[in-house]
Amino acid sequence: MAQPDDYLYDDLFDIIQKDKTLTDKKQLLEAMFMINDESIAENKKTQAYERLMQYLANMPKWDDELVNYMGTRFARSKTKK
């Protein structure tokens, strides 16, 4: 079932794809897929979230809504155990 804030996931995916300053988009796009894959080990998901949060934090003008979204998703993933 789609979450009401799934559009933010799509927005972040588009931002990564269109970012001309990124030299290696593959790692971030893989991280996007990893956070949605239930079969991925928890430590790898944590690394994926960290990679995405680091990207968001280093953007020249980052979006508070996206940062909050990723933080909330990460927190929810930790409580699913």
C-alpha atoms as a PDB file:
ATOM      1  CA  MET A   1       0.000   0.000   0.000  1.00  0.00           C
ATOM      2  CA  ALA A   2       1.331   3.413  -0.939  1.00  0.00           C
ATOM      3  CA  GLN A   3       2.228   5.802   1.838  1.00  0.00           C
ATOM      4  CA  PRO A   4       0.895   9.378   1.617  1.00  0.00           C
ATOM      5  CA  ASP A   5       4.450  10.733   1.416  1.00  0.00           C
ATOM      6  CA  ASP A   6       5.652   8.398  -1.345  1.00  0.00           C
ATOM      7  CA  TYR A   7       5.738  11.373  -3.706  1.00  0.00           C
ATOM      8  CA  LEU A   8       8.776  12.556  -1.722  1.00  0.00           C
ATOM      9  CA  TYR A   9      10.573   9.296  -2.537  1.00  0.00           C
ATOM     10  CA  ASP A  10       9.848   9.966  -6.217  1.00  0.00           C
ATOM     11  CA  ASP A  11      11.002  13.579  -5.842  1.00  0.00           C
ATOM     12  CA  LEU A  12      14.311  12.510  -4.313  1.00  0.00           C
ATOM     13  CA  PHE A  13      14.798   9.896  -7.028  1.00  0.00           C
ATOM     14  CA  ASP A  14      14.266  12.601  -9.681  1.00  0.00           C
ATOM     15  CA  ILE A  15      16.625  15.014  -7.915  1.00  0.00           C
ATOM     16  CA  ILE A  16      19.392  12.406  -7.885  1.00  0.00           C
ATOM     17  CA  GLN A  17      18.832  11.533 -11.542  1.00  0.00           C
ATOM     18  CA  LYS A  18      18.918  15.194 -12.627  1.00  0.00           C
ATOM     19  CA  ASP A  19      21.843  16.294 -10.419  1.00  0.00           C
ATOM     20  CA  LYS A  20      24.594  17.330 -12.826  1.00  0.00           C
ATOM     21  CA  THR A  21      27.160  17.675 -10.031  1.00  0.00           C
ATOM     22  CA  LEU A  22      27.062  13.989  -9.080  1.00  0.00           C
ATOM     23  CA  THR A  23      29.871  11.943 -10.535  1.00  0.00           C
ATOM     24  CA  ASP A  24      28.459   8.586  -9.410  1.00  0.00           C
ATOM     25  CA  LYS A  25      24.677   8.514  -9.319  1.00  0.00           C
ATOM     26  CA  LYS A  26      24.649   4.725  -9.306  1.00  0.00           C
ATOM     27  CA  GLN A  27      25.438   4.445  -5.567  1.00  0.00           C
ATOM     28  CA  LEU A  28      22.645   6.805  -4.549  1.00  0.00           C
ATOM     29  CA  LEU A  29      20.105   5.257  -6.901  1.00  0.00           C
ATOM     30  CA  GLU A  30      21.014   1.803  -5.561  1.00  0.00           C
ATOM     31  CA  ALA A  31      20.532   3.160  -2.034  1.00  0.00           C
ATOM     32  CA  MET A  32      17.055   4.345  -3.044  1.00  0.00           C
ATOM     33  CA  PHE A  33      16.143   0.822  -4.133  1.00  0.00           C
ATOM     34  CA  MET A  34      17.760  -0.783  -1.087  1.00  0.00           C
ATOM     35  CA  ILE A  35      15.632   1.128   1.414  1.00  0.00           C
ATOM     36  CA  ASN A  36      12.488  -0.298  -0.206  1.00  0.00           C
ATOM     37  CA  ASP A  37      13.694  -3.886  -0.510  1.00  0.00           C
ATOM     38  CA  GLU A  38      12.524  -6.015   2.422  1.00  0.00           C
ATOM     39  CA  SER A  39      15.115  -8.703   1.654  1.00  0.00           C
ATOM     40  CA  ILE A  40      18.088  -6.368   2.244  1.00  0.00           C
ATOM     41  CA  ALA A  41      19.979  -6.891   5.512  1.00  0.00           C
ATOM     42  CA  GLU A  42      19.375  -4.244   8.182  1.00  0.00           C
ATOM     43  CA  ASN A  43      23.008  -3.078   8.266  1.00  0.00           C
ATOM     44  CA  LYS A  44      22.998  -2.518   4.494  1.00  0.00           C
ATOM     45  CA  LYS A  45      19.738  -0.556   4.744  1.00  0.00           C
ATOM     46  CA  THR A  46      21.252   1.586   7.476  1.00  0.00           C
ATOM     47  CA  GLN A  47      24.244   2.312   5.237  1.00  0.00           C
ATOM     48  CA  ALA A  48      21.877   3.202   2.388  1.00  0.00           C
ATOM     49  CA  TYR A  49      19.930   5.632   4.596  1.00  0.00           C
ATOM     50  CA  GLU A  50      23.192   7.185   5.806  1.00  0.00           C
ATOM     51  CA  ARG A  51      24.402   7.629   2.226  1.00  0.00           C
ATOM     52  CA  LEU A  52      21.137   9.324   1.230  1.00  0.00           C
ATOM     53  CA  MET A  53      21.071  11.566   4.297  1.00  0.00           C
ATOM     54  CA  GLN A  54      24.675  12.598   3.641  1.00  0.00           C
ATOM     55  CA  TYR A  55      23.735  13.486   0.067  1.00  0.00           C
ATOM     56  CA  LEU A  56      20.773  15.553   1.282  1.00  0.00           C
ATOM     57  CA  ALA A  57      22.889  17.313   3.905  1.00  0.00           C
ATOM     58  CA  ASN A  58      25.498  18.279   1.299  1.00  0.00           C
ATOM     59  CA  MET A  59      23.062  19.720  -1.217  1.00  0.00           C
ATOM     60  CA  PRO A  60      23.564  23.469  -1.723  1.00  0.00           C
ATOM     61  CA  LYS A  61      19.868  24.076  -1.033  1.00  0.00           C
ATOM     62  CA  TRP A  62      18.318  21.102   0.636  1.00  0.00           C
ATOM     63  CA  ASP A  63      14.671  20.525   1.211  1.00  0.00           C
ATOM     64  CA  ASP A  64      13.596  20.226   4.862  1.00  0.00           C
ATOM     65  CA  GLU A  65      10.617  18.127   3.828  1.00  0.00           C
ATOM     66  CA  LEU A  66      12.857  15.559   2.104  1.00  0.00           C
ATOM     67  CA  VAL A  67      15.260  15.424   5.043  1.00  0.00           C
ATOM     68  CA  ASN A  68      12.371  14.905   7.471  1.00  0.00           C
ATOM     69  CA  TYR A  69      10.886  12.266   5.176  1.00  0.00           C
ATOM     70  CA  MET A  70      14.113  10.259   5.018  1.00  0.00           C
ATOM     71  CA  GLY A  71      14.659  10.608   8.769  1.00  0.00           C
ATOM     72  CA  THR A  72      11.127   9.376   9.445  1.00  0.00           C
ATOM     73  CA  ARG A  73      11.519   6.439   7.058  1.00  0.00           C
ATOM     74  CA  PHE A  74      14.789   5.510   8.736  1.00  0.00           C
ATOM     75  CA  ALA A  75      13.208   5.690  12.195  1.00  0.00           C
ATOM     76  CA  ARG A  76      10.264   3.550  11.042  1.00  0.00           C
ATOM     77  CA  SER A  77      12.642   0.955   9.607  1.00  0.00           C
ATOM     78  CA  LYS A  78      14.382   0.722  12.982  1.00  0.00           C
ATOM     79  CA  THR A  79      11.109   0.139  14.858  1.00  0.00           C
ATOM     80  CA  LYS A  80       9.892  -2.618  12.488  1.00  0.00           C
ATOM     81  CA  LYS A  81      12.223  -5.177  14.040  1.00  0.00           C
END
